[in-house]
Amino acid sequence: MSVPLKPLADRVVAVKDEIKSKTATGFYLPESAKEKSSLAVVKAIGPDVKNIKVGEKIVYKEYSTTELKIDGTEYLIVKEEDVLATV
């Protein structure tokens, strides 16, 4: 999948990781009961990013992202300093 965004400087482009809609015991969760995910998969990195690689899962600060929807896919743009950890 080609990413339509080219991040600049220390920015990371990621896609939110899917939240499971079914519990381990087999119950289905309604949208309102799901937690908002702070996990995302990195799709592209800017030239100044040092510690993150494309394909890694990241934990990010939830309210410090820019969300953008292109061709039905929601992308997040996150500063490298707002990435808390890799998974």
PDB file of N, CA and C in Angstrom:
ATOM      1  N   MET A   1       0.847  -1.178   0.000  1.00  0.00           N
ATOM      2  CA  MET A   1       0.000   0.000   0.000  1.00  0.00           C
ATOM      3  C   MET A   1       0.890   1.238   0.000  1.00  0.00           C
ATOM      4  N   SER A   2       0.692   2.090  -0.950  1.00  0.00           N
ATOM      5  CA  SER A   2       1.450   3.333  -1.048  1.00  0.00           C
ATOM      6  C   SER A   2       0.777   4.401  -0.184  1.00  0.00           C
ATOM      7  N   VAL A   3       1.585   5.133   0.540  1.00  0.00           N
ATOM      8  CA  VAL A   3       1.067   6.180   1.426  1.00  0.00           C
ATOM      9  C   VAL A   3       1.025   7.491   0.648  1.00  0.00           C
ATOM     10  N   PRO A   4      -0.148   8.167   0.599  1.00  0.00           N
ATOM     11  CA  PRO A   4      -0.262   9.405  -0.165  1.00  0.00           C
ATOM     12  C   PRO A   4       0.347  10.621   0.534  1.00  0.00           C
ATOM     13  N   LEU A   5       0.931  10.428   1.699  1.00  0.00           N
ATOM     14  CA  LEU A   5       1.521  11.526   2.464  1.00  0.00           C
ATOM     15  C   LEU A   5       3.020  11.322   2.589  1.00  0.00           C
ATOM     16  N   LYS A   6       3.781  12.405   2.464  1.00  0.00           N
ATOM     17  CA  LYS A   6       5.221  12.364   2.681  1.00  0.00           C
ATOM     18  C   LYS A   6       5.511  13.249   3.885  1.00  0.00           C
ATOM     19  N   PRO A   7       5.817  12.641   5.041  1.00  0.00           N
ATOM     20  CA  PRO A   7       6.043  13.443   6.242  1.00  0.00           C
ATOM     21  C   PRO A   7       7.337  14.245   6.157  1.00  0.00           C
ATOM     22  N   LEU A   8       7.320  15.420   6.748  1.00  0.00           N
ATOM     23  CA  LEU A   8       8.485  16.302   6.779  1.00  0.00           C
ATOM     24  C   LEU A   8       9.133  16.269   8.160  1.00  0.00           C
ATOM     25  N   ALA A   9      10.390  16.630   8.225  1.00  0.00           N
ATOM     26  CA  ALA A   9      11.153  16.784   9.472  1.00  0.00           C
ATOM     27  C   ALA A   9      11.037  15.555  10.358  1.00  0.00           C
ATOM     28  N   ASP A  10      10.548  15.746  11.588  1.00  0.00           N
ATOM     29  CA  ASP A  10      10.488  14.645  12.552  1.00  0.00           C
ATOM     30  C   ASP A  10       9.070  14.088  12.697  1.00  0.00           C
ATOM     31  N   ARG A  11       8.309  14.108  11.623  1.00  0.00           N
ATOM     32  CA  ARG A  11       6.925  13.627  11.665  1.00  0.00           C
ATOM     33  C   ARG A  11       6.847  12.155  11.252  1.00  0.00           C
ATOM     34  N   VAL A  12       5.832  11.470  11.793  1.00  0.00           N
ATOM     35  CA  VAL A  12       5.565  10.072  11.497  1.00  0.00           C
ATOM     36  C   VAL A  12       4.126   9.967  11.004  1.00  0.00           C
ATOM     37  N   VAL A  13       3.904   9.257   9.909  1.00  0.00           N
ATOM     38  CA  VAL A  13       2.552   8.990   9.421  1.00  0.00           C
ATOM     39  C   VAL A  13       2.206   7.566   9.821  1.00  0.00           C
ATOM     40  N   ALA A  14       1.049   7.400  10.461  1.00  0.00           N
ATOM     41  CA  ALA A  14       0.645   6.086  10.951  1.00  0.00           C
ATOM     42  C   ALA A  14      -0.845   5.881  10.728  1.00  0.00           C
ATOM     43  N   VAL A  15      -1.270   4.636  10.835  1.00  0.00           N
ATOM     44  CA  VAL A  15      -2.684   4.269  10.740  1.00  0.00           C
ATOM     45  C   VAL A  15      -3.048   3.600  12.051  1.00  0.00           C
ATOM     46  N   LYS A  16      -4.176   4.008  12.638  1.00  0.00           N
ATOM     47  CA  LYS A  16      -4.608   3.427  13.910  1.00  0.00           C
ATOM     48  C   LYS A  16      -4.736   1.917  13.785  1.00  0.00           C
ATOM     49  N   ASP A  17      -4.320   1.232  14.833  1.00  0.00           N
ATOM     50  CA  ASP A  17      -4.442  -0.216  14.903  1.00  0.00           C
ATOM     51  C   ASP A  17      -5.903  -0.556  15.165  1.00  0.00           C
ATOM     52  N   GLU A  18      -6.401  -1.600  14.537  1.00  0.00           N
ATOM     53  CA  GLU A  18      -7.799  -2.007  14.707  1.00  0.00           C
ATOM     54  C   GLU A  18      -8.071  -2.443  16.139  1.00  0.00           C
ATOM     55  N   ILE A  19      -9.184  -1.986  16.692  1.00  0.00           N
ATOM     56  CA  ILE A  19      -9.614  -2.421  18.013  1.00  0.00           C
ATOM     57  C   ILE A  19     -10.530  -3.613  17.817  1.00  0.00           C
ATOM     58  N   LYS A  20     -10.303  -4.635  18.605  1.00  0.00           N
ATOM     59  CA  LYS A  20     -11.113  -5.844  18.465  1.00  0.00           C
ATOM     60  C   LYS A  20     -12.544  -5.561  18.895  1.00  0.00           C
ATOM     61  N   SER A  21     -13.491  -6.056  18.121  1.00  0.00           N
ATOM     62  CA  SER A  21     -14.894  -5.846  18.452  1.00  0.00           C
ATOM     63  C   SER A  21     -15.482  -7.047  19.178  1.00  0.00           C
ATOM     64  N   LYS A  22     -14.645  -8.054  19.437  1.00  0.00           N
ATOM     65  CA  LYS A  22     -15.098  -9.255  20.111  1.00  0.00           C
ATOM     66  C   LYS A  22     -14.161  -9.534  21.288  1.00  0.00           C
ATOM     67  N   THR A  23     -14.722  -9.818  22.440  1.00  0.00           N
ATOM     68  CA  THR A  23     -13.906 -10.100  23.615  1.00  0.00           C
ATOM     69  C   THR A  23     -13.345 -11.513  23.540  1.00  0.00           C
ATOM     70  N   ALA A  24     -12.447 -11.843  24.452  1.00  0.00           N
ATOM     71  CA  ALA A  24     -11.842 -13.178  24.491  1.00  0.00           C
ATOM     72  C   ALA A  24     -12.886 -14.259  24.771  1.00  0.00           C
ATOM     73  N   THR A  25     -13.971 -13.887  25.437  1.00  0.00           N
ATOM     74  CA  THR A  25     -15.022 -14.867  25.737  1.00  0.00           C
ATOM     75  C   THR A  25     -16.084 -14.963  24.650  1.00  0.00           C
ATOM     76  N   GLY A  26     -15.948 -14.166  23.592  1.00  0.00           N
ATOM     77  CA  GLY A  26     -16.861 -14.283  22.461  1.00  0.00           C
ATOM     78  C   GLY A  26     -17.956 -13.240  22.383  1.00  0.00           C
ATOM     79  N   PHE A  27     -17.998 -12.298  23.307  1.00  0.00           N
ATOM     80  CA  PHE A  27     -19.015 -11.255  23.270  1.00  0.00           C
ATOM     81  C   PHE A  27     -18.594 -10.152  22.296  1.00  0.00           C
ATOM     82  N   TYR A  28     -19.569  -9.606  21.568  1.00  0.00           N
ATOM     83  CA  TYR A  28     -19.298  -8.496  20.656  1.00  0.00           C
ATOM     84  C   TYR A  28     -19.542  -7.180  21.376  1.00  0.00           C
ATOM     85  N   LEU A  29     -18.617  -6.231  21.177  1.00  0.00           N
ATOM     86  CA  LEU A  29     -18.721  -4.933  21.833  1.00  0.00           C
ATOM     87  C   LEU A  29     -19.338  -3.899  20.897  1.00  0.00           C
ATOM     88  N   PRO A  30     -20.278  -3.083  21.379  1.00  0.00           N
ATOM     89  CA  PRO A  30     -20.782  -1.992  20.552  1.00  0.00           C
ATOM     90  C   PRO A  30     -19.720  -0.905  20.434  1.00  0.00           C
ATOM     91  N   GLU A  31     -19.819  -0.062  19.417  1.00  0.00           N
ATOM     92  CA  GLU A  31     -18.841   1.013  19.195  1.00  0.00           C
ATOM     93  C   GLU A  31     -18.663   1.893  20.422  1.00  0.00           C
ATOM     94  N   SER A  32     -19.742   2.174  21.137  1.00  0.00           N
ATOM     95  CA  SER A  32     -19.664   3.077  22.286  1.00  0.00           C
ATOM     96  C   SER A  32     -18.904   2.470  23.464  1.00  0.00           C
ATOM     97  N   ALA A  33     -18.747   1.159  23.504  1.00  0.00           N
ATOM     98  CA  ALA A  33     -18.066   0.505  24.626  1.00  0.00           C
ATOM     99  C   ALA A  33     -16.584   0.288  24.376  1.00  0.00           C
ATOM    100  N   LYS A  34     -16.136   0.541  23.162  1.00  0.00           N
ATOM    101  CA  LYS A  34     -14.732   0.309  22.836  1.00  0.00           C
ATOM    102  C   LYS A  34     -13.863   1.439  23.357  1.00  0.00           C
ATOM    103  N   GLU A  35     -12.642   1.084  23.755  1.00  0.00           N
ATOM    104  CA  GLU A  35     -11.675   2.090  24.161  1.00  0.00           C
ATOM    105  C   GLU A  35     -11.098   2.747  22.915  1.00  0.00           C
ATOM    106  N   LYS A  36     -10.721   3.987  23.040  1.00  0.00           N
ATOM    107  CA  LYS A  36     -10.051   4.654  21.931  1.00  0.00           C
ATOM    108  C   LYS A  36      -8.598   4.194  21.915  1.00  0.00           C
ATOM    109  N   SER A  37      -8.159   3.711  20.787  1.00  0.00           N
ATOM    110  CA  SER A  37      -6.824   3.143  20.692  1.00  0.00           C
ATOM    111  C   SER A  37      -5.741   4.218  20.674  1.00  0.00           C
ATOM    112  N   SER A  38      -4.642   3.940  21.337  1.00  0.00           N
ATOM    113  CA  SER A  38      -3.468   4.792  21.264  1.00  0.00           C
ATOM    114  C   SER A  38      -2.337   4.034  20.581  1.00  0.00           C
ATOM    115  N   LEU A  39      -2.699   2.985  19.860  1.00  0.00           N
ATOM    116  CA  LEU A  39      -1.742   2.184  19.100  1.00  0.00           C
ATOM    117  C   LEU A  39      -1.928   2.463  17.619  1.00  0.00           C
ATOM    118  N   ALA A  40      -0.816   2.548  16.904  1.00  0.00           N
ATOM    119  CA  ALA A  40      -0.884   2.773  15.461  1.00  0.00           C
ATOM    120  C   ALA A  40       0.295   2.065  14.795  1.00  0.00           C
ATOM    121  N   VAL A  41       0.135   1.789  13.509  1.00  0.00           N
ATOM    122  CA  VAL A  41       1.196   1.169  12.717  1.00  0.00           C
ATOM    123  C   VAL A  41       1.814   2.255  11.844  1.00  0.00           C
ATOM    124  N   VAL A  42       3.131   2.377  11.888  1.00  0.00           N
ATOM    125  CA  VAL A  42       3.844   3.409  11.140  1.00  0.00           C
ATOM    126  C   VAL A  42       3.858   3.057   9.653  1.00  0.00           C
ATOM    127  N   LYS A  43       3.452   4.007   8.821  1.00  0.00           N
ATOM    128  CA  LYS A  43       3.423   3.812   7.372  1.00  0.00           C
ATOM    129  C   LYS A  43       4.510   4.598   6.649  1.00  0.00           C
ATOM    130  N   ALA A  44       4.945   5.734   7.223  1.00  0.00           N
ATOM    131  CA  ALA A  44       5.999   6.551   6.611  1.00  0.00           C
ATOM    132  C   ALA A  44       6.647   7.398   7.697  1.00  0.00           C
ATOM    133  N   ILE A  45       7.923   7.746   7.489  1.00  0.00           N
ATOM    134  CA  ILE A  45       8.637   8.581   8.455  1.00  0.00           C
ATOM    135  C   ILE A  45       9.339   9.721   7.726  1.00  0.00           C
ATOM    136  N   GLY A  46       9.497  10.831   8.435  1.00  0.00           N
ATOM    137  CA  GLY A  46      10.212  11.974   7.888  1.00  0.00           C
ATOM    138  C   GLY A  46      11.711  11.754   7.939  1.00  0.00           C
ATOM    139  N   PRO A  47      12.476  12.610   7.255  1.00  0.00           N
ATOM    140  CA  PRO A  47      13.927  12.430   7.169  1.00  0.00           C
ATOM    141  C   PRO A  47      14.672  12.626   8.491  1.00  0.00           C
ATOM    142  N   ASP A  48      14.080  13.313   9.452  1.00  0.00           N
ATOM    143  CA  ASP A  48      14.757  13.568  10.730  1.00  0.00           C
ATOM    144  C   ASP A  48      14.386  12.582  11.830  1.00  0.00           C
ATOM    145  N   VAL A  49      13.547  11.591  11.521  1.00  0.00           N
ATOM    146  CA  VAL A  49      13.146  10.596  12.519  1.00  0.00           C
ATOM    147  C   VAL A  49      14.289   9.616  12.723  1.00  0.00           C
ATOM    148  N   LYS A  50      14.664   9.393  13.991  1.00  0.00           N
ATOM    149  CA  LYS A  50      15.840   8.557  14.282  1.00  0.00           C
ATOM    150  C   LYS A  50      15.505   7.204  14.889  1.00  0.00           C
ATOM    151  N   ASN A  51      14.479   7.120  15.717  1.00  0.00           N
ATOM    152  CA  ASN A  51      14.256   5.920  16.521  1.00  0.00           C
ATOM    153  C   ASN A  51      13.051   5.076  16.118  1.00  0.00           C
ATOM    154  N   ILE A  52      12.406   5.402  15.035  1.00  0.00           N
ATOM    155  CA  ILE A  52      11.198   4.693  14.619  1.00  0.00           C
ATOM    156  C   ILE A  52      11.372   4.233  13.179  1.00  0.00           C
ATOM    157  N   LYS A  53      10.868   3.027  12.891  1.00  0.00           N
ATOM    158  CA  LYS A  53      10.974   2.482  11.543  1.00  0.00           C
ATOM    159  C   LYS A  53       9.581   2.186  10.983  1.00  0.00           C
ATOM    160  N   VAL A  54       9.464   2.206   9.672  1.00  0.00           N
ATOM    161  CA  VAL A  54       8.203   1.874   9.002  1.00  0.00           C
ATOM    162  C   VAL A  54       7.822   0.436   9.351  1.00  0.00           C
ATOM    163  N   GLY A  55       6.551   0.234   9.689  1.00  0.00           N
ATOM    164  CA  GLY A  55       6.059  -1.093  10.027  1.00  0.00           C
ATOM    165  C   GLY A  55       5.955  -1.354  11.520  1.00  0.00           C
ATOM    166  N   GLU A  56       6.629  -0.542  12.338  1.00  0.00           N
ATOM    167  CA  GLU A  56       6.556  -0.716  13.791  1.00  0.00           C
ATOM    168  C   GLU A  56       5.216  -0.222  14.324  1.00  0.00           C
ATOM    169  N   LYS A  57       4.782  -0.807  15.433  1.00  0.00           N
ATOM    170  CA  LYS A  57       3.607  -0.309  16.139  1.00  0.00           C
ATOM    171  C   LYS A  57       4.095   0.691  17.178  1.00  0.00           C
ATOM    172  N   ILE A  58       3.355   1.788  17.308  1.00  0.00           N
ATOM    173  CA  ILE A  58       3.735   2.835  18.253  1.00  0.00           C
ATOM    174  C   ILE A  58       2.596   3.141  19.216  1.00  0.00           C
ATOM    175  N   VAL A  59       2.957   3.616  20.387  1.00  0.00           N
ATOM    176  CA  VAL A  59       2.016   4.176  21.356  1.00  0.00           C
ATOM    177  C   VAL A  59       2.269   5.673  21.321  1.00  0.00           C
ATOM    178  N   TYR A  60       1.212   6.463  21.154  1.00  0.00           N
ATOM    179  CA  TYR A  60       1.377   7.901  20.978  1.00  0.00           C
ATOM    180  C   TYR A  60       0.482   8.677  21.936  1.00  0.00           C
ATOM    181  N   LYS A  61       0.828   9.945  22.147  1.00  0.00           N
ATOM    182  CA  LYS A  61      -0.025  10.834  22.941  1.00  0.00           C
ATOM    183  C   LYS A  61      -1.305  11.068  22.144  1.00  0.00           C
ATOM    184  N   GLU A  62      -2.406  10.761  22.755  1.00  0.00           N
ATOM    185  CA  GLU A  62      -3.684  10.744  22.050  1.00  0.00           C
ATOM    186  C   GLU A  62      -4.131  12.103  21.515  1.00  0.00           C
ATOM    187  N   TYR A  63      -3.857  13.176  22.234  1.00  0.00           N
ATOM    188  CA  TYR A  63      -4.392  14.476  21.833  1.00  0.00           C
ATOM    189  C   TYR A  63      -3.379  15.356  21.119  1.00  0.00           C
ATOM    190  N   SER A  64      -2.277  14.784  20.701  1.00  0.00           N
ATOM    191  CA  SER A  64      -1.258  15.592  20.033  1.00  0.00           C
ATOM    192  C   SER A  64      -1.063  15.178  18.572  1.00  0.00           C
ATOM    193  N   THR A  65      -2.061  14.554  17.988  1.00  0.00           N
ATOM    194  CA  THR A  65      -1.947  14.097  16.606  1.00  0.00           C
ATOM    195  C   THR A  65      -2.794  14.957  15.678  1.00  0.00           C
ATOM    196  N   THR A  66      -2.472  14.889  14.404  1.00  0.00           N
ATOM    197  CA  THR A  66      -3.304  15.478  13.372  1.00  0.00           C
ATOM    198  C   THR A  66      -3.912  14.313  12.605  1.00  0.00           C
ATOM    199  N   GLU A  67      -5.238  14.278  12.520  1.00  0.00           N
ATOM    200  CA  GLU A  67      -5.914  13.187  11.824  1.00  0.00           C
ATOM    201  C   GLU A  67      -6.360  13.667  10.455  1.00  0.00           C
ATOM    202  N   LEU A  68      -6.186  12.802   9.462  1.00  0.00           N
ATOM    203  CA  LEU A  68      -6.493  13.147   8.085  1.00  0.00           C
ATOM    204  C   LEU A  68      -7.043  11.923   7.388  1.00  0.00           C
ATOM    205  N   LYS A  69      -8.177  12.063   6.703  1.00  0.00           N
ATOM    206  CA  LYS A  69      -8.779  10.928   6.004  1.00  0.00           C
ATOM    207  C   LYS A  69      -8.571  11.109   4.503  1.00  0.00           C
ATOM    208  N   ILE A  70      -7.897  10.128   3.889  1.00  0.00           N
ATOM    209  CA  ILE A  70      -7.632  10.145   2.457  1.00  0.00           C
ATOM    210  C   ILE A  70      -8.046   8.806   1.873  1.00  0.00           C
ATOM    211  N   ASP A  71      -8.896   8.829   0.867  1.00  0.00           N
ATOM    212  CA  ASP A  71      -9.370   7.612   0.189  1.00  0.00           C
ATOM    213  C   ASP A  71      -9.906   6.570   1.166  1.00  0.00           C
ATOM    214  N   GLY A  72     -10.626   7.009   2.191  1.00  0.00           N
ATOM    215  CA  GLY A  72     -11.247   6.092   3.135  1.00  0.00           C
ATOM    216  C   GLY A  72     -10.334   5.587   4.240  1.00  0.00           C
ATOM    217  N   THR A  73      -9.082   5.980   4.249  1.00  0.00           N
ATOM    218  CA  THR A  73      -8.136   5.559   5.291  1.00  0.00           C
ATOM    219  C   THR A  73      -7.815   6.746   6.184  1.00  0.00           C
ATOM    220  N   GLU A  74      -7.906   6.530   7.505  1.00  0.00           N
ATOM    221  CA  GLU A  74      -7.576   7.595   8.454  1.00  0.00           C
ATOM    222  C   GLU A  74      -6.112   7.519   8.824  1.00  0.00           C
ATOM    223  N   TYR A  75      -5.380   8.571   8.508  1.00  0.00           N
ATOM    224  CA  TYR A  75      -3.963   8.663   8.823  1.00  0.00           C
ATOM    225  C   TYR A  75      -3.758   9.591  10.007  1.00  0.00           C
ATOM    226  N   LEU A  76      -2.741   9.300  10.789  1.00  0.00           N
ATOM    227  CA  LEU A  76      -2.328  10.158  11.890  1.00  0.00           C
ATOM    228  C   LEU A  76      -0.969  10.730  11.548  1.00  0.00           C
ATOM    229  N   ILE A  77      -0.779  11.993  11.845  1.00  0.00           N
ATOM    230  CA  ILE A  77       0.538  12.599  11.726  1.00  0.00           C
ATOM    231  C   ILE A  77       0.970  12.955  13.139  1.00  0.00           C
ATOM    232  N   VAL A  78       2.091  12.381  13.561  1.00  0.00           N
ATOM    233  CA  VAL A  78       2.570  12.511  14.937  1.00  0.00           C
ATOM    234  C   VAL A  78       4.009  12.981  14.920  1.00  0.00           C
ATOM    235  N   LYS A  79       4.355  13.897  15.821  1.00  0.00           N
ATOM    236  CA  LYS A  79       5.760  14.277  15.994  1.00  0.00           C
ATOM    237  C   LYS A  79       6.480  13.119  16.669  1.00  0.00           C
ATOM    238  N   GLU A  80       7.757  12.938  16.336  1.00  0.00           N
ATOM    239  CA  GLU A  80       8.512  11.846  16.966  1.00  0.00           C
ATOM    240  C   GLU A  80       8.541  11.996  18.483  1.00  0.00           C
ATOM    241  N   GLU A  81       8.603  13.214  18.983  1.00  0.00           N
ATOM    242  CA  GLU A  81       8.650  13.417  20.441  1.00  0.00           C
ATOM    243  C   GLU A  81       7.334  13.047  21.135  1.00  0.00           C
ATOM    244  N   ASP A  82       6.235  12.944  20.377  1.00  0.00           N
ATOM    245  CA  ASP A  82       4.944  12.551  20.944  1.00  0.00           C
ATOM    246  C   ASP A  82       4.712  11.045  20.889  1.00  0.00           C
ATOM    247  N   VAL A  83       5.662  10.309  20.351  1.00  0.00           N
ATOM    248  CA  VAL A  83       5.597   8.846  20.370  1.00  0.00           C
ATOM    249  C   VAL A  83       6.173   8.404  21.705  1.00  0.00           C
ATOM    250  N   LEU A  84       5.380   7.662  22.476  1.00  0.00           N
ATOM    251  CA  LEU A  84       5.782   7.271  23.827  1.00  0.00           C
ATOM    252  C   LEU A  84       6.577   5.971  23.851  1.00  0.00           C
ATOM    253  N   ALA A  85       6.265   5.045  22.917  1.00  0.00           N
ATOM    254  CA  ALA A  85       6.948   3.747  22.907  1.00  0.00           C
ATOM    255  C   ALA A  85       6.684   3.033  21.595  1.00  0.00           C
ATOM    256  N   THR A  86       7.520   2.052  21.304  1.00  0.00           N
ATOM    257  CA  THR A  86       7.261   1.140  20.190  1.00  0.00           C
ATOM    258  C   THR A  86       6.885  -0.199  20.781  1.00  0.00           C
ATOM    259  N   VAL A  87       6.069  -0.952  20.052  1.00  0.00           N
ATOM    260  CA  VAL A  87       5.608  -2.247  20.544  1.00  0.00           C
ATOM    261  C   VAL A  87       6.238  -3.332  19.704  1.00  0.00           C
TER     262      VAL A  87
END
